[in-house]
Amino acid sequence: VRKPQDAAALLAQASGAAITPLMLDVTDAAAVARAAREVGDALGEGGQLAGLVNNAGIAVYGPLELLPIDRLRRQFEINVIGHVAVTQAFIPLLRRDRGRVIMIGSSSSFLTPPFLGPYAASKCALASISDAFRRELAPWGIEVCLMQPGAVITPLWDKSIDDGDTWFDGLPEAARRLYARGYGAMRKLFKDKSGKGISAEDLAETVLHALTAKRPRSHYRMGRDTLGYQLLDKLPPRAVDAMLATSLGHTAQGVSQDAD
């Protein structure tokens, strides 16, 4: 967790379970190193690290033409680079104990809708990072598994919508008007999907399987939207482009009308 109040809430929810929260920001190198030391000290010589679950993530969205570069950097710092940094820090313990690495990816790695480029790109990168780690760590028996769920019921998208609205609504009117129709339609879609999807508990059960199964799968795909994304990925790209543009109203005619 990143905040003391979140640690307190976790302990209260745990109801006496053997849980020790760690303060950790995956973009803070000192915090990552400290967390690895604390876990190592807690395990000692007789303990065993069963696995590492890389679950940190944010969702940055909006038209790439207007997106502040610092926001794109933060998307990758948390969703990709932070995962690599934490995994690197724990590899010595994972190698010693033949522990496992679980990466929480997304079905967005199969399809990149307009205005979701930063988030989808980070999940595509994470998929490649997961493949590389799996193949590089295989000689030591370290399994690396990638979760690729569809929508999961968490506060992520509600927070992302509010955050995205703040910077987009602060743009000059002429810039906002360029993407107002398509961006607005995508934002509505996000809001409509909020609270829908698989539960966090269902995802956790799959993570538990990946941590404990004798032969875990390299990729775990779940959720109806994941199947839909995979099917769309089989269609000609131009056909998918047209479907997405029409569904969002982000067409030449729609842009022309908004400019008038």
C-alpha atoms as a PDB file:
ATOM      1  CA  VAL A   1       0.000   0.000   0.000  1.00  0.00           C
ATOM      2  CA  ARG A   2       1.063   3.619  -0.469  1.00  0.00           C
ATOM      3  CA  LYS A   3      -0.814   5.256   2.410  1.00  0.00           C
ATOM      4  CA  PRO A   4      -0.934   4.455   6.145  1.00  0.00           C
ATOM      5  CA  GLN A   5      -4.740   4.670   6.134  1.00  0.00           C
ATOM      6  CA  ASP A   6      -4.858   1.983   3.435  1.00  0.00           C
ATOM      7  CA  ALA A   7      -2.645  -0.244   5.600  1.00  0.00           C
ATOM      8  CA  ALA A   8      -4.996   0.260   8.545  1.00  0.00           C
ATOM      9  CA  ALA A   9      -8.042  -0.514   6.392  1.00  0.00           C
ATOM     10  CA  LEU A  10      -6.414  -3.691   5.077  1.00  0.00           C
ATOM     11  CA  LEU A  11      -5.628  -4.921   8.583  1.00  0.00           C
ATOM     12  CA  ALA A  12      -9.178  -4.187   9.705  1.00  0.00           C
ATOM     13  CA  GLN A  13     -10.583  -6.097   6.744  1.00  0.00           C
ATOM     14  CA  ALA A  14      -8.210  -9.024   7.311  1.00  0.00           C
ATOM     15  CA  SER A  15      -9.858  -9.821  10.673  1.00  0.00           C
ATOM     16  CA  GLY A  16      -6.852 -11.424  12.319  1.00  0.00           C
ATOM     17  CA  ALA A  17      -5.359 -13.048   9.218  1.00  0.00           C
ATOM     18  CA  ALA A  18      -1.569 -13.158   9.025  1.00  0.00           C
ATOM     19  CA  ILE A  19      -1.090 -10.059   6.889  1.00  0.00           C
ATOM     20  CA  THR A  20       1.677  -7.481   7.190  1.00  0.00           C
ATOM     21  CA  PRO A  21       1.168  -4.407   4.966  1.00  0.00           C
ATOM     22  CA  LEU A  22       4.240  -2.852   3.366  1.00  0.00           C
ATOM     23  CA  MET A  23       4.500   0.799   2.397  1.00  0.00           C
ATOM     24  CA  LEU A  24       5.456   0.730  -1.276  1.00  0.00           C
ATOM     25  CA  ASP A  25       5.352   3.065  -4.256  1.00  0.00           C
ATOM     26  CA  VAL A  26       6.556   1.116  -7.294  1.00  0.00           C
ATOM     27  CA  THR A  27       8.003   4.310  -8.827  1.00  0.00           C
ATOM     28  CA  ASP A  28      10.227   4.934  -5.776  1.00  0.00           C
ATOM     29  CA  ALA A  29      13.478   2.962  -6.100  1.00  0.00           C
ATOM     30  CA  ALA A  30      14.331   3.324  -2.405  1.00  0.00           C
ATOM     31  CA  ALA A  31      10.870   2.095  -1.370  1.00  0.00           C
ATOM     32  CA  VAL A  32      11.159  -0.920  -3.683  1.00  0.00           C
ATOM     33  CA  ALA A  33      14.566  -1.879  -2.265  1.00  0.00           C
ATOM     34  CA  ARG A  34      13.317  -1.395   1.297  1.00  0.00           C
ATOM     35  CA  ALA A  35      10.286  -3.631   0.680  1.00  0.00           C
ATOM     36  CA  ALA A  36      12.495  -6.414  -0.672  1.00  0.00           C
ATOM     37  CA  ARG A  37      14.751  -6.163   2.384  1.00  0.00           C
ATOM     38  CA  GLU A  38      11.784  -6.245   4.772  1.00  0.00           C
ATOM     39  CA  VAL A  39      10.348  -9.342   3.113  1.00  0.00           C
ATOM     40  CA  GLY A  40      13.753 -11.025   3.130  1.00  0.00           C
ATOM     41  CA  ASP A  41      14.252 -10.233   6.813  1.00  0.00           C
ATOM     42  CA  ALA A  42      10.758 -11.522   7.655  1.00  0.00           C
ATOM     43  CA  LEU A  43      11.377 -14.786   5.800  1.00  0.00           C
ATOM     44  CA  GLY A  44      14.824 -15.394   7.249  1.00  0.00           C
ATOM     45  CA  GLU A  45      16.513 -18.639   6.321  1.00  0.00           C
ATOM     46  CA  GLY A  46      13.520 -20.877   6.935  1.00  0.00           C
ATOM     47  CA  GLY A  47      10.732 -18.935   5.251  1.00  0.00           C
ATOM     48  CA  GLN A  48       9.685 -19.287   1.637  1.00  0.00           C
ATOM     49  CA  LEU A  49       8.488 -16.658  -0.818  1.00  0.00           C
ATOM     50  CA  ALA A  50       5.590 -18.263  -2.694  1.00  0.00           C
ATOM     51  CA  GLY A  51       5.268 -15.500  -5.229  1.00  0.00           C
ATOM     52  CA  LEU A  52       5.091 -11.869  -6.230  1.00  0.00           C
ATOM     53  CA  VAL A  53       1.889 -10.361  -7.655  1.00  0.00           C
ATOM     54  CA  ASN A  54       2.472  -7.159  -9.639  1.00  0.00           C
ATOM     55  CA  ASN A  55      -0.892  -5.428  -9.355  1.00  0.00           C
ATOM     56  CA  ALA A  56      -0.065  -1.701  -9.325  1.00  0.00           C
ATOM     57  CA  GLY A  57      -1.759   0.192 -12.128  1.00  0.00           C
ATOM     58  CA  ILE A  58      -3.418   3.365 -13.335  1.00  0.00           C
ATOM     59  CA  ALA A  59      -5.366   4.132 -16.499  1.00  0.00           C
ATOM     60  CA  VAL A  60      -4.483   7.248 -18.471  1.00  0.00           C
ATOM     61  CA  TYR A  61      -6.757   7.951 -21.402  1.00  0.00           C
ATOM     62  CA  GLY A  62      -7.512  10.705 -23.870  1.00  0.00           C
ATOM     63  CA  PRO A  63      -6.566  11.782 -27.408  1.00  0.00           C
ATOM     64  CA  LEU A  64      -2.835  11.274 -27.967  1.00  0.00           C
ATOM     65  CA  GLU A  65      -2.500  14.513 -29.911  1.00  0.00           C
ATOM     66  CA  LEU A  66      -3.419  16.515 -26.806  1.00  0.00           C
ATOM     67  CA  LEU A  67      -2.097  14.244 -24.052  1.00  0.00           C
ATOM     68  CA  PRO A  68       0.587  15.853 -21.846  1.00  0.00           C
ATOM     69  CA  ILE A  69       3.763  13.796 -22.222  1.00  0.00           C
ATOM     70  CA  ASP A  70       4.251  13.684 -18.459  1.00  0.00           C
ATOM     71  CA  ARG A  71       0.969  11.793 -18.176  1.00  0.00           C
ATOM     72  CA  LEU A  72       2.161   9.234 -20.721  1.00  0.00           C
ATOM     73  CA  ARG A  73       5.425   8.814 -18.815  1.00  0.00           C
ATOM     74  CA  ARG A  74       3.535   8.238 -15.558  1.00  0.00           C
ATOM     75  CA  GLN A  75       1.369   5.594 -17.262  1.00  0.00           C
ATOM     76  CA  PHE A  76       4.462   3.600 -18.192  1.00  0.00           C
ATOM     77  CA  GLU A  77       6.355   4.312 -14.953  1.00  0.00           C
ATOM     78  CA  ILE A  78       3.608   2.639 -12.926  1.00  0.00           C
ATOM     79  CA  ASN A  79       2.194  -0.017 -15.260  1.00  0.00           C
ATOM     80  CA  VAL A  80       5.448  -1.219 -16.815  1.00  0.00           C
ATOM     81  CA  ILE A  81       8.692   0.111 -15.360  1.00  0.00           C
ATOM     82  CA  GLY A  82       7.435  -0.211 -11.785  1.00  0.00           C
ATOM     83  CA  HIS A  83       6.591  -3.885 -12.408  1.00  0.00           C
ATOM     84  CA  VAL A  84      10.081  -4.533 -13.763  1.00  0.00           C
ATOM     85  CA  ALA A  85      11.723  -2.724 -10.835  1.00  0.00           C
ATOM     86  CA  VAL A  86       9.783  -4.669  -8.203  1.00  0.00           C
ATOM     87  CA  THR A  87      10.383  -7.990  -9.966  1.00  0.00           C
ATOM     88  CA  GLN A  88      14.118  -7.297 -10.223  1.00  0.00           C
ATOM     89  CA  ALA A  89      14.276  -6.526  -6.513  1.00  0.00           C
ATOM     90  CA  PHE A  90      12.588  -9.814  -5.545  1.00  0.00           C
ATOM     91  CA  ILE A  91      14.279 -12.164  -8.023  1.00  0.00           C
ATOM     92  CA  PRO A  92      17.011 -13.256  -5.562  1.00  0.00           C
ATOM     93  CA  LEU A  93      14.352 -14.474  -3.131  1.00  0.00           C
ATOM     94  CA  LEU A  94      12.232 -15.960  -5.920  1.00  0.00           C
ATOM     95  CA  ARG A  95      15.252 -17.832  -7.276  1.00  0.00           C
ATOM     96  CA  ARG A  96      16.139 -19.173  -3.834  1.00  0.00           C
ATOM     97  CA  ASP A  97      12.596 -20.384  -3.170  1.00  0.00           C
ATOM     98  CA  ARG A  98      11.405 -21.162  -6.719  1.00  0.00           C
ATOM     99  CA  GLY A  99       8.652 -18.617  -6.226  1.00  0.00           C
ATOM    100  CA  ARG A 100       6.381 -17.325  -8.970  1.00  0.00           C
ATOM    101  CA  VAL A 101       5.675 -13.978 -10.596  1.00  0.00           C
ATOM    102  CA  ILE A 102       2.137 -12.921 -11.489  1.00  0.00           C
ATOM    103  CA  MET A 103       1.624  -9.921 -13.770  1.00  0.00           C
ATOM    104  CA  ILE A 104      -1.809  -8.284 -13.843  1.00  0.00           C
ATOM    105  CA  GLY A 105      -2.318  -7.378 -17.486  1.00  0.00           C
ATOM    106  CA  SER A 106      -5.522  -6.602 -19.372  1.00  0.00           C
ATOM    107  CA  SER A 107      -7.626  -7.607 -22.343  1.00  0.00           C
ATOM    108  CA  SER A 108      -6.753  -4.140 -23.694  1.00  0.00           C
ATOM    109  CA  SER A 109      -3.572  -5.746 -25.005  1.00  0.00           C
ATOM    110  CA  PHE A 110      -5.754  -7.410 -27.683  1.00  0.00           C
ATOM    111  CA  LEU A 111      -7.505  -4.252 -28.885  1.00  0.00           C
ATOM    112  CA  THR A 112      -6.677  -0.558 -28.624  1.00  0.00           C
ATOM    113  CA  PRO A 113      -9.794   1.613 -28.755  1.00  0.00           C
ATOM    114  CA  PRO A 114      -9.388   5.288 -29.602  1.00  0.00           C
ATOM    115  CA  PHE A 115      -8.602   7.439 -26.540  1.00  0.00           C
ATOM    116  CA  LEU A 116      -7.336   4.422 -24.608  1.00  0.00           C
ATOM    117  CA  GLY A 117      -3.926   4.374 -26.273  1.00  0.00           C
ATOM    118  CA  PRO A 118      -1.753   5.069 -23.193  1.00  0.00           C
ATOM    119  CA  TYR A 119      -3.355   2.375 -21.053  1.00  0.00           C
ATOM    120  CA  ALA A 120      -3.548  -0.236 -23.828  1.00  0.00           C
ATOM    121  CA  ALA A 121       0.059   0.440 -24.841  1.00  0.00           C
ATOM    122  CA  SER A 122       1.223  -0.108 -21.267  1.00  0.00           C
ATOM    123  CA  LYS A 123      -0.606  -3.444 -21.126  1.00  0.00           C
ATOM    124  CA  CYS A 124       0.861  -4.515 -24.482  1.00  0.00           C
ATOM    125  CA  ALA A 125       4.308  -3.669 -23.126  1.00  0.00           C
ATOM    126  CA  LEU A 126       3.604  -5.607 -19.942  1.00  0.00           C
ATOM    127  CA  ALA A 127       2.624  -8.659 -21.988  1.00  0.00           C
ATOM    128  CA  SER A 128       6.003  -8.582 -23.736  1.00  0.00           C
ATOM    129  CA  ILE A 129       7.814  -7.990 -20.443  1.00  0.00           C
ATOM    130  CA  SER A 130       6.001 -10.985 -18.956  1.00  0.00           C
ATOM    131  CA  ASP A 131       6.989 -13.201 -21.893  1.00  0.00           C
ATOM    132  CA  ALA A 132      10.631 -12.107 -21.585  1.00  0.00           C
ATOM    133  CA  PHE A 133      10.778 -12.710 -17.837  1.00  0.00           C
ATOM    134  CA  ARG A 134       9.109 -16.121 -18.234  1.00  0.00           C
ATOM    135  CA  ARG A 135      11.673 -17.278 -20.772  1.00  0.00           C
ATOM    136  CA  GLU A 136      14.682 -15.742 -19.021  1.00  0.00           C
ATOM    137  CA  LEU A 137      13.801 -17.082 -15.549  1.00  0.00           C
ATOM    138  CA  ALA A 138      12.745 -20.577 -16.687  1.00  0.00           C
ATOM    139  CA  PRO A 139      16.152 -22.207 -15.961  1.00  0.00           C
ATOM    140  CA  TRP A 140      15.601 -21.553 -12.236  1.00  0.00           C
ATOM    141  CA  GLY A 141      12.063 -22.891 -12.227  1.00  0.00           C
ATOM    142  CA  ILE A 142      10.496 -19.460 -11.717  1.00  0.00           C
ATOM    143  CA  GLU A 143       7.063 -19.460 -13.335  1.00  0.00           C
ATOM    144  CA  VAL A 144       5.818 -16.128 -14.730  1.00  0.00           C
ATOM    145  CA  CYS A 145       2.085 -15.889 -15.431  1.00  0.00           C
ATOM    146  CA  LEU A 146       0.153 -13.070 -17.073  1.00  0.00           C
ATOM    147  CA  MET A 147      -3.440 -12.316 -16.113  1.00  0.00           C
ATOM    148  CA  GLN A 148      -5.412 -10.789 -19.015  1.00  0.00           C
ATOM    149  CA  PRO A 149      -8.873 -10.079 -17.593  1.00  0.00           C
ATOM    150  CA  GLY A 150     -11.574  -7.972 -19.127  1.00  0.00           C
ATOM    151  CA  ALA A 151     -13.289  -5.372 -16.972  1.00  0.00           C
ATOM    152  CA  VAL A 152     -12.775  -5.933 -13.241  1.00  0.00           C
ATOM    153  CA  ILE A 153     -15.014  -4.266 -10.676  1.00  0.00           C
ATOM    154  CA  THR A 154     -12.611  -1.884  -8.949  1.00  0.00           C
ATOM    155  CA  PRO A 155     -12.476   1.920  -8.447  1.00  0.00           C
ATOM    156  CA  LEU A 156      -9.817   2.184 -11.189  1.00  0.00           C
ATOM    157  CA  TRP A 157     -12.025   3.536 -13.958  1.00  0.00           C
ATOM    158  CA  ASP A 158     -14.011   5.902 -11.763  1.00  0.00           C
ATOM    159  CA  LYS A 159     -10.745   7.457 -10.614  1.00  0.00           C
ATOM    160  CA  SER A 160      -9.424   7.529 -14.171  1.00  0.00           C
ATOM    161  CA  ILE A 161     -12.539   9.245 -15.537  1.00  0.00           C
ATOM    162  CA  ASP A 162     -12.312  11.983 -12.927  1.00  0.00           C
ATOM    163  CA  ASP A 163      -8.596  12.401 -13.529  1.00  0.00           C
ATOM    164  CA  GLY A 164      -9.013  12.445 -17.322  1.00  0.00           C
ATOM    165  CA  ASP A 165     -11.800  14.995 -17.165  1.00  0.00           C
ATOM    166  CA  THR A 166      -9.609  17.346 -15.127  1.00  0.00           C
ATOM    167  CA  TRP A 167      -6.904  17.723 -17.763  1.00  0.00           C
ATOM    168  CA  PHE A 168      -9.158  17.428 -20.824  1.00  0.00           C
ATOM    169  CA  ASP A 169     -11.635  20.013 -19.563  1.00  0.00           C
ATOM    170  CA  GLY A 170      -8.739  22.362 -18.888  1.00  0.00           C
ATOM    171  CA  LEU A 171      -7.708  22.437 -22.551  1.00  0.00           C
ATOM    172  CA  PRO A 172      -8.510  25.416 -24.799  1.00  0.00           C
ATOM    173  CA  GLU A 173     -11.993  25.147 -26.290  1.00  0.00           C
ATOM    174  CA  ALA A 174     -10.688  24.828 -29.860  1.00  0.00           C
ATOM    175  CA  ALA A 175      -8.615  21.788 -28.859  1.00  0.00           C
ATOM    176  CA  ARG A 176     -11.454  20.142 -26.927  1.00  0.00           C
ATOM    177  CA  ARG A 177     -13.825  20.606 -29.846  1.00  0.00           C
ATOM    178  CA  LEU A 178     -11.581  18.481 -32.089  1.00  0.00           C
ATOM    179  CA  TYR A 179     -12.304  15.360 -30.041  1.00  0.00           C
ATOM    180  CA  ALA A 180     -15.411  16.324 -28.062  1.00  0.00           C
ATOM    181  CA  ARG A 181     -17.803  13.823 -29.653  1.00  0.00           C
ATOM    182  CA  GLY A 182     -15.557  10.739 -29.657  1.00  0.00           C
ATOM    183  CA  TYR A 183     -13.972  11.442 -26.290  1.00  0.00           C
ATOM    184  CA  GLY A 184     -17.381  12.093 -24.761  1.00  0.00           C
ATOM    185  CA  ALA A 185     -18.737   8.823 -26.146  1.00  0.00           C
ATOM    186  CA  MET A 186     -15.766   6.874 -24.788  1.00  0.00           C
ATOM    187  CA  ARG A 187     -16.134   8.544 -21.401  1.00  0.00           C
ATOM    188  CA  LYS A 188     -19.824   7.564 -21.322  1.00  0.00           C
ATOM    189  CA  LEU A 189     -18.882   3.995 -22.219  1.00  0.00           C
ATOM    190  CA  PHE A 190     -16.447   3.884 -19.308  1.00  0.00           C
ATOM    191  CA  LYS A 191     -19.098   5.214 -16.934  1.00  0.00           C
ATOM    192  CA  ASP A 192     -21.685   2.724 -18.199  1.00  0.00           C
ATOM    193  CA  LYS A 193     -19.225  -0.143 -17.643  1.00  0.00           C
ATOM    194  CA  SER A 194     -18.316   1.020 -14.135  1.00  0.00           C
ATOM    195  CA  GLY A 195     -19.403  -1.610 -11.651  1.00  0.00           C
ATOM    196  CA  LYS A 196     -19.672  -4.281 -14.354  1.00  0.00           C
ATOM    197  CA  GLY A 197     -17.319  -7.132 -15.155  1.00  0.00           C
ATOM    198  CA  ILE A 198     -15.711  -9.888 -13.126  1.00  0.00           C
ATOM    199  CA  SER A 199     -15.239  -9.377  -9.408  1.00  0.00           C
ATOM    200  CA  ALA A 200     -11.859  -8.715  -7.820  1.00  0.00           C
ATOM    201  CA  GLU A 201     -12.463 -11.903  -5.818  1.00  0.00           C
ATOM    202  CA  ASP A 202     -12.794 -13.938  -9.024  1.00  0.00           C
ATOM    203  CA  LEU A 203      -9.527 -12.509 -10.301  1.00  0.00           C
ATOM    204  CA  ALA A 204      -7.889 -13.265  -6.946  1.00  0.00           C
ATOM    205  CA  GLU A 205      -9.002 -16.900  -7.184  1.00  0.00           C
ATOM    206  CA  THR A 206      -7.328 -17.161 -10.579  1.00  0.00           C
ATOM    207  CA  VAL A 207      -4.170 -15.566  -9.195  1.00  0.00           C
ATOM    208  CA  LEU A 208      -4.213 -18.131  -6.368  1.00  0.00           C
ATOM    209  CA  HIS A 209      -4.433 -20.930  -8.944  1.00  0.00           C
ATOM    210  CA  ALA A 210      -1.445 -19.501 -10.817  1.00  0.00           C
ATOM    211  CA  LEU A 211       0.534 -19.345  -7.561  1.00  0.00           C
ATOM    212  CA  THR A 212      -0.256 -22.891  -6.439  1.00  0.00           C
ATOM    213  CA  ALA A 213      -1.009 -25.076  -9.480  1.00  0.00           C
ATOM    214  CA  LYS A 214       1.575 -27.726 -10.341  1.00  0.00           C
ATOM    215  CA  ARG A 215       1.652 -26.525 -13.951  1.00  0.00           C
ATOM    216  CA  PRO A 216       0.196 -22.996 -14.175  1.00  0.00           C
ATOM    217  CA  ARG A 217      -0.724 -21.510 -17.511  1.00  0.00           C
ATOM    218  CA  SER A 218       1.463 -18.798 -18.967  1.00  0.00           C
ATOM    219  CA  HIS A 219      -1.610 -16.671 -19.793  1.00  0.00           C
ATOM    220  CA  TYR A 220      -4.968 -16.493 -18.024  1.00  0.00           C
ATOM    221  CA  ARG A 221      -7.774 -14.861 -20.005  1.00  0.00           C
ATOM    222  CA  MET A 222     -11.134 -14.227 -18.380  1.00  0.00           C
ATOM    223  CA  GLY A 223     -14.255 -12.146 -18.899  1.00  0.00           C
ATOM    224  CA  ARG A 224     -16.689 -11.854 -21.814  1.00  0.00           C
ATOM    225  CA  ASP A 225     -15.091  -8.675 -23.148  1.00  0.00           C
ATOM    226  CA  THR A 226     -11.768 -10.515 -23.418  1.00  0.00           C
ATOM    227  CA  LEU A 227     -13.330 -12.961 -25.874  1.00  0.00           C
ATOM    228  CA  GLY A 228     -14.891 -10.092 -27.813  1.00  0.00           C
ATOM    229  CA  TYR A 229     -11.552  -8.302 -28.050  1.00  0.00           C
ATOM    230  CA  GLN A 230      -9.842 -11.457 -29.269  1.00  0.00           C
ATOM    231  CA  LEU A 231     -12.502 -11.958 -31.952  1.00  0.00           C
ATOM    232  CA  LEU A 232     -12.173  -8.352 -33.116  1.00  0.00           C
ATOM    233  CA  ASP A 233      -8.422  -8.844 -33.306  1.00  0.00           C
ATOM    234  CA  LYS A 234      -9.037 -11.486 -35.999  1.00  0.00           C
ATOM    235  CA  LEU A 235     -10.884  -9.031 -38.286  1.00  0.00           C
ATOM    236  CA  PRO A 236      -9.180  -6.787 -40.850  1.00  0.00           C
ATOM    237  CA  PRO A 237      -7.849  -3.709 -38.994  1.00  0.00           C
ATOM    238  CA  ARG A 238      -9.693  -1.277 -41.280  1.00  0.00           C
ATOM    239  CA  ALA A 239     -12.983  -2.992 -40.520  1.00  0.00           C
ATOM    240  CA  VAL A 240     -12.360  -2.676 -36.808  1.00  0.00           C
ATOM    241  CA  ASP A 241     -11.368   0.982 -37.286  1.00  0.00           C
ATOM    242  CA  ALA A 242     -14.681   1.689 -38.990  1.00  0.00           C
ATOM    243  CA  MET A 243     -16.703  -0.135 -36.332  1.00  0.00           C
ATOM    244  CA  LEU A 244     -15.052   1.775 -33.500  1.00  0.00           C
ATOM    245  CA  ALA A 245     -15.316   5.130 -35.283  1.00  0.00           C
ATOM    246  CA  THR A 246     -19.006   4.641 -36.001  1.00  0.00           C
ATOM    247  CA  SER A 247     -19.811   3.472 -32.479  1.00  0.00           C
ATOM    248  CA  LEU A 248     -18.173   6.569 -30.979  1.00  0.00           C
ATOM    249  CA  GLY A 249     -19.277   9.051 -33.626  1.00  0.00           C
ATOM    250  CA  HIS A 250     -15.628   9.851 -34.236  1.00  0.00           C
ATOM    251  CA  THR A 251     -15.944  10.137 -38.005  1.00  0.00           C
ATOM    252  CA  ALA A 252     -15.154  12.803 -40.566  1.00  0.00           C
ATOM    253  CA  GLN A 253     -18.796  13.852 -40.575  1.00  0.00           C
ATOM    254  CA  GLY A 254     -18.959  13.958 -36.765  1.00  0.00           C
ATOM    255  CA  VAL A 255     -15.751  15.971 -36.453  1.00  0.00           C
ATOM    256  CA  SER A 256     -16.952  18.385 -39.153  1.00  0.00           C
ATOM    257  CA  GLN A 257     -20.239  18.953 -37.331  1.00  0.00           C
ATOM    258  CA  ASP A 258     -18.471  19.605 -34.040  1.00  0.00           C
ATOM    259  CA  ALA A 259     -16.201  22.152 -35.694  1.00  0.00           C
ATOM    260  CA  ASP A 260     -19.133  24.181 -37.032  1.00  0.00           C
END
